[in-house]
Amino acid sequence: MMDLSKDDRSYLSIIYKGGWIVVGMVPRRLQPGDEVRVISPSRSMAILKEKQVDIARNRLEALGFHVTFGKHVHTHDEFFSTSIEERIEDLHTAFLDQNVKGIFTAFL
């Protein structure tokens, strides 16, 4: 089991709101040097111009983040989509990687 300092842990938030108890997980804040992963769960990043991707990567790196991309972000079919299995693999890989502290999606 990993030994996590208090700053590395997420914590549960329990809020009583209008008769409902809302439970959520609040992750720690991203810090310079943290790895962030970009995935593309809806459309392939192949439709983006390389310059657009470079601008986004440079902005995240200027904030101090180490930027990585999912394995299948540029894979595409004739509809510029990726198979469901490939999208799920990128998502699961990002969540399972202990070094990844934040996940960004390329498209809404």
Protein backbone atom coordinates (compact mmCIF):
# COMPACT_ATOMS: atom_id res chain seq x y z
CA MET A 1 0.00 0.00 0.00
CA MET A 2 1.23 3.48 -0.86
CA ASP A 3 1.99 5.88 1.93
CA LEU A 4 0.27 9.15 1.06
CA SER A 5 0.87 12.38 2.89
CA LYS A 6 -2.19 14.46 3.80
CA ASP A 7 -1.59 16.73 0.77
CA ASP A 8 -1.74 13.76 -1.62
CA ARG A 9 -5.11 12.45 -0.47
CA SER A 10 -8.54 13.22 -1.75
CA TYR A 11 -11.24 13.55 0.86
CA LEU A 12 -14.96 12.98 1.06
CA SER A 13 -17.30 15.91 1.27
CA ILE A 14 -20.71 15.43 2.85
CA ILE A 15 -23.21 18.23 2.42
CA TYR A 16 -26.80 18.44 3.63
CA LYS A 17 -28.71 20.33 0.96
CA GLY A 18 -32.47 20.79 0.86
CA GLY A 19 -33.30 17.49 2.51
CA TRP A 20 -30.67 15.58 0.53
CA ILE A 21 -27.31 14.34 1.68
CA VAL A 22 -24.77 14.88 -1.09
CA VAL A 23 -21.55 12.89 -0.88
CA GLY A 24 -18.67 13.67 -3.20
CA MET A 25 -14.95 13.23 -3.47
CA VAL A 26 -12.85 16.37 -3.52
CA PRO A 27 -9.41 15.80 -5.07
CA ARG A 28 -6.36 17.70 -3.95
CA ARG A 29 -5.42 20.78 -5.96
CA LEU A 30 -3.11 20.32 -8.90
CA GLN A 31 0.44 21.46 -8.21
CA PRO A 32 3.24 22.47 -10.59
CA GLY A 33 5.06 19.30 -11.64
CA ASP A 34 1.90 17.16 -11.57
CA GLU A 35 1.20 14.96 -14.56
CA VAL A 36 -2.05 15.68 -16.38
CA ARG A 37 -3.41 13.34 -19.05
CA VAL A 38 -5.38 14.48 -22.08
CA ILE A 39 -7.87 11.95 -23.42
CA SER A 40 -10.39 12.20 -26.23
CA PRO A 41 -13.51 10.25 -25.23
CA SER A 42 -15.82 11.59 -27.95
CA ARG A 43 -13.87 12.42 -31.12
CA SER A 44 -10.35 11.84 -32.34
CA MET A 45 -7.83 14.62 -31.89
CA ALA A 46 -6.81 13.92 -35.50
CA ILE A 47 -9.32 16.61 -36.55
CA LEU A 48 -7.35 19.25 -34.65
CA LYS A 49 -4.50 21.14 -36.23
CA GLU A 50 -1.13 20.34 -34.73
CA LYS A 51 -0.67 24.03 -33.89
CA GLN A 52 -3.87 23.98 -31.77
CA VAL A 53 -2.62 20.99 -29.80
CA ASP A 54 0.78 22.65 -29.33
CA ILE A 55 -0.85 25.84 -28.02
CA ALA A 56 -2.92 23.89 -25.49
CA ARG A 57 0.08 21.77 -24.40
CA ASN A 58 2.27 24.88 -24.03
CA ARG A 59 -0.36 26.63 -21.89
CA LEU A 60 -0.64 23.65 -19.56
CA GLU A 61 3.14 23.32 -19.38
CA ALA A 62 3.41 27.06 -18.62
CA LEU A 63 1.27 26.33 -15.54
CA GLY A 64 3.92 23.82 -14.52
CA PHE A 65 2.15 20.59 -15.51
CA HIS A 66 3.73 17.58 -17.19
CA VAL A 67 1.33 16.86 -20.09
CA THR A 68 0.75 13.36 -21.46
CA PHE A 69 -1.79 12.06 -23.95
CA GLY A 70 -3.88 8.92 -24.08
CA LYS A 71 -2.64 6.15 -26.36
CA HIS A 72 -5.60 6.46 -28.75
CA VAL A 73 -6.21 10.23 -28.96
CA HIS A 74 -5.14 10.38 -32.62
CA THR A 75 -6.63 7.05 -33.73
CA HIS A 76 -9.70 7.49 -35.93
CA ASP A 77 -12.10 5.83 -38.33
CA GLU A 78 -13.92 7.35 -41.32
CA PHE A 79 -16.09 9.38 -38.91
CA PHE A 80 -13.09 10.69 -36.93
CA SER A 81 -14.15 8.69 -33.93
CA THR A 82 -12.37 5.98 -31.98
CA SER A 83 -13.75 2.58 -31.00
CA ILE A 84 -15.54 2.41 -27.67
CA GLU A 85 -12.93 -0.07 -26.44
CA GLU A 86 -10.08 2.32 -27.26
CA ARG A 87 -11.82 5.26 -25.56
CA ILE A 88 -12.49 3.18 -22.46
CA GLU A 89 -8.88 1.96 -22.44
CA ASP A 90 -7.59 5.55 -22.44
CA LEU A 91 -9.99 6.54 -19.65
CA HIS A 92 -9.21 3.51 -17.47
CA THR A 93 -5.46 3.83 -18.06
CA ALA A 94 -5.56 7.48 -16.99
CA PHE A 95 -7.45 6.68 -13.77
CA LEU A 96 -5.23 3.71 -12.94
CA ASP A 97 -1.94 5.55 -13.49
CA GLN A 98 -0.82 6.69 -10.03
CA ASN A 99 1.30 9.46 -11.60
CA VAL A 100 -1.69 11.13 -13.28
CA LYS A 101 -3.13 13.79 -10.98
CA GLY A 102 -5.61 15.35 -13.42
CA ILE A 103 -7.49 14.30 -16.55
CA PHE A 104 -8.53 16.69 -19.31
CA THR A 105 -10.77 15.85 -22.23
CA ALA A 106 -10.05 17.20 -25.70
CA PHE A 107 -13.72 17.72 -26.61
CA LEU A 108 -16.94 18.34 -24.73
